[in-house]
Amino acid sequence: MVDISDSLHCVFSANIRSRDGDYVIEVPSTEITKGTITPHGTYRVALLESPETNESDGTNHSNESHQGTQAEGSSPPVTKNEIRDVTIEARGDKGDGIAKVERGYVVIVPGAHPGDQPTVKIEQVKPNVAFASIVDLDSRLH
């Protein structure tokens, strides 16, 4: 289980690009405009290798078309109204449960707590996060 800090501000996918002898991670403008982070702020960044694999040589690599969100033509691994079982791994800044599904995609579940394994209904899907409601609080109890 991944330990996610309560101070987590955002989750997104991005490429690392070379620019003037430095390496830059491009932050999607939506992370600034919705107020999650601010320009010129200092943040800790965790980097996770992309799970995508090059079939010809078997190596893992980032998809070159990632630019702050899912790759073009790629969609989030959940769909609106989908019912699925998740494991709540952490609690967000506002007290909501945080689960991760395929490719590290984040699902926010209000009312859930770390360790819960609820069945949820996906209510809203965005490129980097989905919001879900609890259908059955803990499917392990049945």
N, C-alpha and C. Protein backbone atom coordinates (compact mmCIF):
# COMPACT_ATOMS: atom_id res chain seq x y z
N MET A 1 0.84 -1.17 0.00
CA MET A 1 0.00 0.00 0.00
C MET A 1 0.88 1.24 0.00
N VAL A 2 0.54 2.21 -0.83
CA VAL A 2 1.29 3.45 -0.94
C VAL A 2 0.84 4.39 0.17
N ASP A 3 1.79 5.01 0.86
CA ASP A 3 1.48 5.99 1.89
C ASP A 3 1.37 7.35 1.22
N ILE A 4 0.16 7.94 1.25
CA ILE A 4 -0.07 9.22 0.62
C ILE A 4 -0.23 10.26 1.71
N SER A 5 0.58 11.29 1.66
CA SER A 5 0.56 12.36 2.65
C SER A 5 -0.77 13.10 2.62
N ASP A 6 -1.22 13.56 3.79
CA ASP A 6 -2.42 14.38 3.86
C ASP A 6 -2.22 15.71 3.16
N SER A 7 -0.98 16.08 2.88
CA SER A 7 -0.71 17.35 2.22
C SER A 7 -0.67 17.22 0.69
N LEU A 8 -1.13 16.09 0.14
CA LEU A 8 -1.16 15.90 -1.32
C LEU A 8 -2.02 16.98 -1.95
N HIS A 9 -1.46 17.72 -2.91
CA HIS A 9 -2.19 18.80 -3.57
C HIS A 9 -2.77 18.37 -4.91
N CYS A 10 -2.05 17.57 -5.67
CA CYS A 10 -2.56 17.18 -6.98
C CYS A 10 -1.83 15.94 -7.48
N VAL A 11 -2.47 15.30 -8.45
CA VAL A 11 -1.89 14.13 -9.11
C VAL A 11 -2.10 14.32 -10.61
N PHE A 12 -1.04 14.19 -11.38
CA PHE A 12 -1.17 14.30 -12.82
C PHE A 12 -0.03 13.55 -13.48
N SER A 13 -0.19 13.28 -14.77
CA SER A 13 0.85 12.63 -15.56
C SER A 13 1.53 13.69 -16.42
N ALA A 14 2.85 13.57 -16.56
CA ALA A 14 3.58 14.54 -17.37
C ALA A 14 4.89 13.94 -17.86
N ASN A 15 5.43 14.52 -18.88
CA ASN A 15 6.75 14.14 -19.37
C ASN A 15 7.81 15.00 -18.71
N ILE A 16 9.01 14.50 -18.66
CA ILE A 16 10.16 15.30 -18.25
C ILE A 16 10.83 15.74 -19.53
N ARG A 17 11.01 17.05 -19.66
CA ARG A 17 11.58 17.61 -20.88
C ARG A 17 12.90 18.32 -20.58
N SER A 18 13.79 18.30 -21.54
CA SER A 18 15.06 19.01 -21.41
C SER A 18 14.87 20.43 -21.93
N ARG A 19 15.37 21.42 -21.14
CA ARG A 19 15.27 22.81 -21.57
C ARG A 19 16.47 23.58 -21.03
N ASP A 20 17.29 24.07 -21.91
CA ASP A 20 18.45 24.89 -21.55
C ASP A 20 19.35 24.20 -20.52
N GLY A 21 19.59 22.92 -20.69
CA GLY A 21 20.48 22.20 -19.80
C GLY A 21 19.83 21.71 -18.50
N ASP A 22 18.57 22.06 -18.26
CA ASP A 22 17.83 21.58 -17.10
C ASP A 22 16.74 20.62 -17.55
N TYR A 23 16.13 19.97 -16.60
CA TYR A 23 15.00 19.10 -16.90
C TYR A 23 13.77 19.67 -16.22
N VAL A 24 12.65 19.70 -16.96
CA VAL A 24 11.45 20.38 -16.51
C VAL A 24 10.27 19.42 -16.54
N ILE A 25 9.47 19.44 -15.48
CA ILE A 25 8.20 18.72 -15.45
C ILE A 25 7.12 19.76 -15.71
N GLU A 26 6.34 19.57 -16.74
CA GLU A 26 5.31 20.53 -17.09
C GLU A 26 4.06 20.28 -16.26
N VAL A 27 3.64 21.31 -15.52
CA VAL A 27 2.45 21.24 -14.68
C VAL A 27 1.26 21.72 -15.50
N PRO A 28 0.17 20.94 -15.54
CA PRO A 28 -1.00 21.37 -16.31
C PRO A 28 -1.55 22.70 -15.77
N SER A 29 -1.96 23.58 -16.65
CA SER A 29 -2.48 24.89 -16.23
C SER A 29 -3.70 24.76 -15.32
N THR A 30 -4.46 23.68 -15.47
CA THR A 30 -5.64 23.50 -14.61
C THR A 30 -5.26 23.37 -13.14
N GLU A 31 -4.07 22.86 -12.85
CA GLU A 31 -3.64 22.74 -11.45
C GLU A 31 -3.41 24.12 -10.84
N ILE A 32 -3.06 25.09 -11.66
CA ILE A 32 -2.87 26.47 -11.20
C ILE A 32 -4.22 27.19 -11.13
N THR A 33 -5.01 27.09 -12.22
CA THR A 33 -6.26 27.84 -12.29
C THR A 33 -7.30 27.39 -11.28
N LYS A 34 -7.30 26.11 -10.91
CA LYS A 34 -8.29 25.68 -9.91
C LYS A 34 -7.75 25.85 -8.49
N GLY A 35 -6.55 26.44 -8.37
CA GLY A 35 -6.05 26.82 -7.06
C GLY A 35 -5.39 25.74 -6.25
N THR A 36 -5.08 24.60 -6.86
CA THR A 36 -4.44 23.52 -6.12
C THR A 36 -3.02 23.90 -5.74
N ILE A 37 -2.30 24.51 -6.66
CA ILE A 37 -0.93 24.97 -6.42
C ILE A 37 -0.78 26.37 -6.98
N THR A 38 0.30 27.03 -6.60
CA THR A 38 0.52 28.41 -7.07
C THR A 38 1.85 28.51 -7.81
N PRO A 39 1.92 29.41 -8.80
CA PRO A 39 3.20 29.62 -9.49
C PRO A 39 4.26 30.08 -8.50
N HIS A 40 5.47 29.69 -8.74
CA HIS A 40 6.64 30.07 -7.93
C HIS A 40 6.63 29.44 -6.55
N GLY A 41 5.66 28.55 -6.27
CA GLY A 41 5.66 27.83 -4.99
C GLY A 41 6.70 26.73 -5.01
N THR A 42 7.05 26.22 -3.86
CA THR A 42 7.99 25.11 -3.76
C THR A 42 7.21 23.89 -3.28
N TYR A 43 7.34 22.77 -4.00
CA TYR A 43 6.57 21.57 -3.70
C TYR A 43 7.47 20.35 -3.75
N ARG A 44 7.14 19.34 -2.98
CA ARG A 44 7.80 18.04 -3.11
C ARG A 44 7.10 17.30 -4.24
N VAL A 45 7.88 16.59 -5.05
CA VAL A 45 7.34 15.89 -6.20
C VAL A 45 7.75 14.42 -6.11
N ALA A 46 6.78 13.53 -6.29
CA ALA A 46 7.08 12.11 -6.35
C ALA A 46 6.94 11.67 -7.80
N LEU A 47 7.90 10.91 -8.30
CA LEU A 47 7.86 10.44 -9.67
C LEU A 47 7.66 8.93 -9.68
N LEU A 48 6.69 8.47 -10.42
CA LEU A 48 6.41 7.04 -10.56
C LEU A 48 6.58 6.68 -12.03
N GLU A 49 7.29 5.60 -12.29
CA GLU A 49 7.51 5.18 -13.67
C GLU A 49 6.19 4.80 -14.31
N SER A 50 6.03 5.19 -15.56
CA SER A 50 4.84 4.84 -16.31
C SER A 50 4.75 3.33 -16.46
N PRO A 51 3.55 2.77 -16.27
CA PRO A 51 3.40 1.32 -16.42
C PRO A 51 3.34 0.87 -17.87
N GLU A 52 3.33 1.81 -18.82
CA GLU A 52 3.26 1.45 -20.23
C GLU A 52 4.56 0.80 -20.67
N THR A 53 4.46 -0.24 -21.47
CA THR A 53 5.62 -1.00 -21.90
C THR A 53 5.76 -0.96 -23.41
N ASN A 54 7.00 -0.82 -23.87
CA ASN A 54 7.28 -0.89 -25.29
C ASN A 54 7.29 -2.37 -25.67
N GLU A 55 6.32 -2.79 -26.47
CA GLU A 55 6.19 -4.21 -26.79
C GLU A 55 7.37 -4.75 -27.59
N SER A 56 8.05 -3.89 -28.36
CA SER A 56 9.13 -4.39 -29.19
C SER A 56 10.36 -4.77 -28.38
N ASP A 57 10.66 -4.00 -27.31
CA ASP A 57 11.86 -4.35 -26.54
C ASP A 57 11.57 -4.67 -25.07
N GLY A 58 10.29 -4.57 -24.65
CA GLY A 58 9.92 -4.94 -23.29
C GLY A 58 10.30 -3.92 -22.23
N THR A 59 10.77 -2.74 -22.63
CA THR A 59 11.16 -1.75 -21.63
C THR A 59 9.99 -0.85 -21.27
N ASN A 60 10.02 -0.35 -20.03
CA ASN A 60 9.01 0.61 -19.59
C ASN A 60 9.45 1.99 -20.03
N HIS A 61 8.49 2.83 -20.42
CA HIS A 61 8.80 4.19 -20.80
C HIS A 61 7.55 5.04 -20.67
N SER A 62 7.73 6.35 -20.64
CA SER A 62 6.58 7.26 -20.65
C SER A 62 6.10 7.39 -22.08
N ASN A 63 4.80 7.49 -22.25
CA ASN A 63 4.24 7.72 -23.57
C ASN A 63 4.54 9.15 -23.95
N GLU A 64 5.14 9.36 -25.11
CA GLU A 64 5.57 10.69 -25.53
C GLU A 64 4.42 11.67 -25.64
N SER A 65 3.16 11.21 -25.75
CA SER A 65 2.06 12.16 -25.91
C SER A 65 1.47 12.60 -24.57
N HIS A 66 1.97 12.11 -23.42
CA HIS A 66 1.49 12.60 -22.13
C HIS A 66 1.87 14.06 -22.00
N GLN A 67 0.92 14.88 -21.64
CA GLN A 67 1.23 16.28 -21.37
C GLN A 67 0.30 16.77 -20.27
N GLY A 68 0.54 16.30 -19.03
CA GLY A 68 -0.22 16.78 -17.90
C GLY A 68 -1.51 16.01 -17.65
N THR A 69 -2.02 15.30 -18.63
CA THR A 69 -3.22 14.51 -18.45
C THR A 69 -2.99 13.16 -19.10
N GLN A 70 -4.06 12.41 -19.24
CA GLN A 70 -3.93 11.12 -19.90
C GLN A 70 -3.46 11.35 -21.34
N ALA A 71 -2.80 10.37 -21.91
CA ALA A 71 -2.33 10.48 -23.29
C ALA A 71 -3.51 10.70 -24.21
N GLU A 72 -3.28 11.47 -25.27
CA GLU A 72 -4.35 11.67 -26.24
C GLU A 72 -4.79 10.32 -26.76
N GLY A 73 -6.12 10.15 -26.87
CA GLY A 73 -6.65 8.88 -27.32
C GLY A 73 -6.80 7.89 -26.19
N SER A 74 -6.13 8.15 -25.07
CA SER A 74 -6.26 7.31 -23.88
C SER A 74 -7.32 7.94 -23.00
N SER A 75 -8.02 7.13 -22.27
CA SER A 75 -9.05 7.68 -21.40
C SER A 75 -8.83 7.18 -19.98
N PRO A 76 -9.45 7.84 -19.01
CA PRO A 76 -9.33 7.37 -17.63
C PRO A 76 -9.79 5.91 -17.54
N PRO A 77 -9.26 5.16 -16.57
CA PRO A 77 -9.60 3.74 -16.46
C PRO A 77 -10.96 3.48 -15.81
N VAL A 78 -11.74 4.53 -15.57
CA VAL A 78 -13.09 4.38 -15.03
C VAL A 78 -14.06 5.17 -15.90
N THR A 79 -15.35 4.83 -15.81
CA THR A 79 -16.37 5.54 -16.55
C THR A 79 -17.48 5.96 -15.60
N LYS A 80 -18.18 7.02 -15.96
CA LYS A 80 -19.29 7.49 -15.15
C LYS A 80 -20.32 6.39 -14.97
N ASN A 81 -20.84 6.26 -13.76
CA ASN A 81 -21.84 5.27 -13.34
C ASN A 81 -21.28 3.86 -13.19
N GLU A 82 -19.99 3.68 -13.40
CA GLU A 82 -19.37 2.37 -13.21
C GLU A 82 -19.40 2.01 -11.72
N ILE A 83 -19.66 0.75 -11.43
CA ILE A 83 -19.64 0.23 -10.06
C ILE A 83 -18.37 -0.62 -9.94
N ARG A 84 -17.58 -0.36 -8.89
CA ARG A 84 -16.36 -1.16 -8.70
C ARG A 84 -15.95 -1.17 -7.25
N ASP A 85 -15.15 -2.17 -6.89
CA ASP A 85 -14.59 -2.29 -5.55
C ASP A 85 -13.24 -1.59 -5.54
N VAL A 86 -12.99 -0.80 -4.48
CA VAL A 86 -11.72 -0.10 -4.34
C VAL A 86 -11.21 -0.30 -2.91
N THR A 87 -9.94 0.00 -2.71
CA THR A 87 -9.35 0.01 -1.37
C THR A 87 -8.91 1.43 -1.08
N ILE A 88 -9.39 1.98 0.02
CA ILE A 88 -9.03 3.34 0.40
C ILE A 88 -7.65 3.30 1.02
N GLU A 89 -6.71 4.02 0.41
CA GLU A 89 -5.31 4.00 0.83
C GLU A 89 -4.93 5.14 1.75
N ALA A 90 -5.65 6.26 1.65
CA ALA A 90 -5.27 7.44 2.43
C ALA A 90 -6.47 8.36 2.57
N ARG A 91 -6.27 9.41 3.34
CA ARG A 91 -7.29 10.43 3.52
C ARG A 91 -6.75 11.73 2.94
N GLY A 92 -7.56 12.42 2.15
CA GLY A 92 -7.15 13.68 1.55
C GLY A 92 -7.24 14.84 2.52
N ASP A 93 -6.81 16.01 2.07
CA ASP A 93 -6.82 17.22 2.90
C ASP A 93 -8.20 17.55 3.46
N LYS A 94 -9.23 17.24 2.72
CA LYS A 94 -10.59 17.57 3.15
C LYS A 94 -11.28 16.38 3.83
N GLY A 95 -10.52 15.32 4.14
CA GLY A 95 -11.07 14.17 4.86
C GLY A 95 -11.66 13.09 4.00
N ASP A 96 -11.64 13.26 2.67
CA ASP A 96 -12.19 12.24 1.78
C ASP A 96 -11.22 11.07 1.65
N GLY A 97 -11.77 9.88 1.38
CA GLY A 97 -10.93 8.71 1.12
C GLY A 97 -10.30 8.80 -0.25
N ILE A 98 -9.08 8.30 -0.37
CA ILE A 98 -8.37 8.29 -1.64
C ILE A 98 -8.04 6.84 -1.99
N ALA A 99 -8.49 6.42 -3.17
CA ALA A 99 -8.16 5.10 -3.69
C ALA A 99 -7.42 5.28 -5.00
N LYS A 100 -6.57 4.32 -5.34
CA LYS A 100 -5.91 4.34 -6.64
C LYS A 100 -6.30 3.07 -7.38
N VAL A 101 -6.55 3.24 -8.67
CA VAL A 101 -6.90 2.10 -9.51
C VAL A 101 -5.85 1.99 -10.61
N GLU A 102 -6.18 1.45 -11.74
CA GLU A 102 -5.22 1.22 -12.81
C GLU A 102 -4.41 2.47 -13.14
N ARG A 103 -3.12 2.28 -13.43
CA ARG A 103 -2.19 3.34 -13.84
C ARG A 103 -2.06 4.43 -12.78
N GLY A 104 -2.41 4.14 -11.52
CA GLY A 104 -2.28 5.13 -10.46
C GLY A 104 -3.37 6.18 -10.48
N TYR A 105 -4.40 5.97 -11.26
CA TYR A 105 -5.51 6.92 -11.36
C TYR A 105 -6.20 7.03 -10.00
N VAL A 106 -6.48 8.25 -9.56
CA VAL A 106 -7.02 8.51 -8.23
C VAL A 106 -8.54 8.59 -8.26
N VAL A 107 -9.18 7.92 -7.28
CA VAL A 107 -10.62 7.99 -7.09
C VAL A 107 -10.86 8.54 -5.69
N ILE A 108 -11.59 9.66 -5.59
CA ILE A 108 -11.90 10.30 -4.32
C ILE A 108 -13.26 9.79 -3.86
N VAL A 109 -13.31 9.31 -2.59
CA VAL A 109 -14.54 8.72 -2.06
C VAL A 109 -14.90 9.40 -0.74
N PRO A 110 -15.80 10.38 -0.76
CA PRO A 110 -16.22 11.02 0.49
C PRO A 110 -16.82 10.00 1.46
N GLY A 111 -16.50 10.15 2.73
CA GLY A 111 -17.05 9.27 3.76
C GLY A 111 -16.28 7.97 3.97
N ALA A 112 -15.26 7.72 3.18
CA ALA A 112 -14.46 6.50 3.31
C ALA A 112 -13.18 6.81 4.08
N HIS A 113 -12.65 5.79 4.73
CA HIS A 113 -11.46 5.94 5.57
C HIS A 113 -10.38 4.95 5.14
N PRO A 114 -9.11 5.27 5.38
CA PRO A 114 -8.03 4.34 5.03
C PRO A 114 -8.30 2.94 5.58
N GLY A 115 -8.12 1.96 4.72
CA GLY A 115 -8.38 0.57 5.08
C GLY A 115 -9.74 0.07 4.65
N ASP A 116 -10.70 0.97 4.43
CA ASP A 116 -12.02 0.57 3.93
C ASP A 116 -11.88 -0.04 2.55
N GLN A 117 -12.76 -0.98 2.24
CA GLN A 117 -12.80 -1.57 0.90
C GLN A 117 -14.24 -1.52 0.38
N PRO A 118 -14.70 -0.30 0.08
CA PRO A 118 -16.09 -0.16 -0.34
C PRO A 118 -16.32 -0.49 -1.81
N THR A 119 -17.58 -0.78 -2.11
CA THR A 119 -18.04 -0.81 -3.49
C THR A 119 -18.55 0.60 -3.76
N VAL A 120 -18.07 1.20 -4.85
CA VAL A 120 -18.42 2.59 -5.14
C VAL A 120 -19.04 2.72 -6.52
N LYS A 121 -19.76 3.83 -6.70
CA LYS A 121 -20.30 4.20 -8.01
C LYS A 121 -19.56 5.46 -8.44
N ILE A 122 -18.97 5.43 -9.61
CA ILE A 122 -18.24 6.58 -10.14
C ILE A 122 -19.27 7.63 -10.57
N GLU A 123 -19.18 8.81 -9.95
CA GLU A 123 -20.14 9.88 -10.20
C GLU A 123 -19.63 10.91 -11.21
N GLN A 124 -18.34 11.23 -11.13
CA GLN A 124 -17.75 12.24 -12.00
C GLN A 124 -16.36 11.79 -12.41
N VAL A 125 -16.02 11.93 -13.69
CA VAL A 125 -14.72 11.50 -14.21
C VAL A 125 -14.02 12.70 -14.83
N LYS A 126 -12.79 12.95 -14.39
CA LYS A 126 -11.94 13.99 -14.96
C LYS A 126 -10.68 13.31 -15.48
N PRO A 127 -9.84 14.01 -16.24
CA PRO A 127 -8.66 13.36 -16.81
C PRO A 127 -7.74 12.71 -15.77
N ASN A 128 -7.59 13.31 -14.59
CA ASN A 128 -6.65 12.78 -13.61
C ASN A 128 -7.27 12.29 -12.32
N VAL A 129 -8.58 12.43 -12.16
CA VAL A 129 -9.22 12.03 -10.91
C VAL A 129 -10.70 11.77 -11.16
N ALA A 130 -11.27 10.87 -10.38
CA ALA A 130 -12.71 10.62 -10.42
C ALA A 130 -13.26 10.77 -9.02
N PHE A 131 -14.55 11.05 -8.94
CA PHE A 131 -15.23 11.17 -7.66
C PHE A 131 -16.31 10.11 -7.62
N ALA A 132 -16.41 9.42 -6.48
CA ALA A 132 -17.33 8.30 -6.37
C ALA A 132 -18.13 8.37 -5.08
N SER A 133 -19.27 7.72 -5.07
CA SER A 133 -20.07 7.59 -3.85
C SER A 133 -20.09 6.13 -3.43
N ILE A 134 -20.23 5.92 -2.13
CA ILE A 134 -20.23 4.55 -1.59
C ILE A 134 -21.58 3.90 -1.86
N VAL A 135 -21.52 2.70 -2.45
CA VAL A 135 -22.71 1.89 -2.69
C VAL A 135 -22.85 0.88 -1.55
N ASP A 136 -21.73 0.25 -1.17
CA ASP A 136 -21.67 -0.72 -0.08
C ASP A 136 -20.38 -0.42 0.67
N LEU A 137 -20.49 -0.08 1.96
CA LEU A 137 -19.33 0.41 2.70
C LEU A 137 -18.15 -0.55 2.71
N ASP A 138 -18.36 -1.83 2.95
CA ASP A 138 -17.23 -2.74 3.02
C ASP A 138 -17.65 -4.08 2.47
N SER A 139 -17.29 -4.31 1.21
CA SER A 139 -17.70 -5.55 0.53
C SER A 139 -17.07 -6.79 1.16
N ARG A 140 -16.01 -6.62 1.98
CA ARG A 140 -15.38 -7.79 2.63
C ARG A 140 -16.29 -8.42 3.67
N LEU A 141 -17.26 -7.65 4.19
CA LEU A 141 -18.11 -8.14 5.26
C LEU A 141 -19.24 -9.04 4.77
N HIS A 142 -19.41 -9.17 3.45
CA HIS A 142 -20.53 -9.96 2.90
C HIS A 142 -20.06 -11.31 2.45
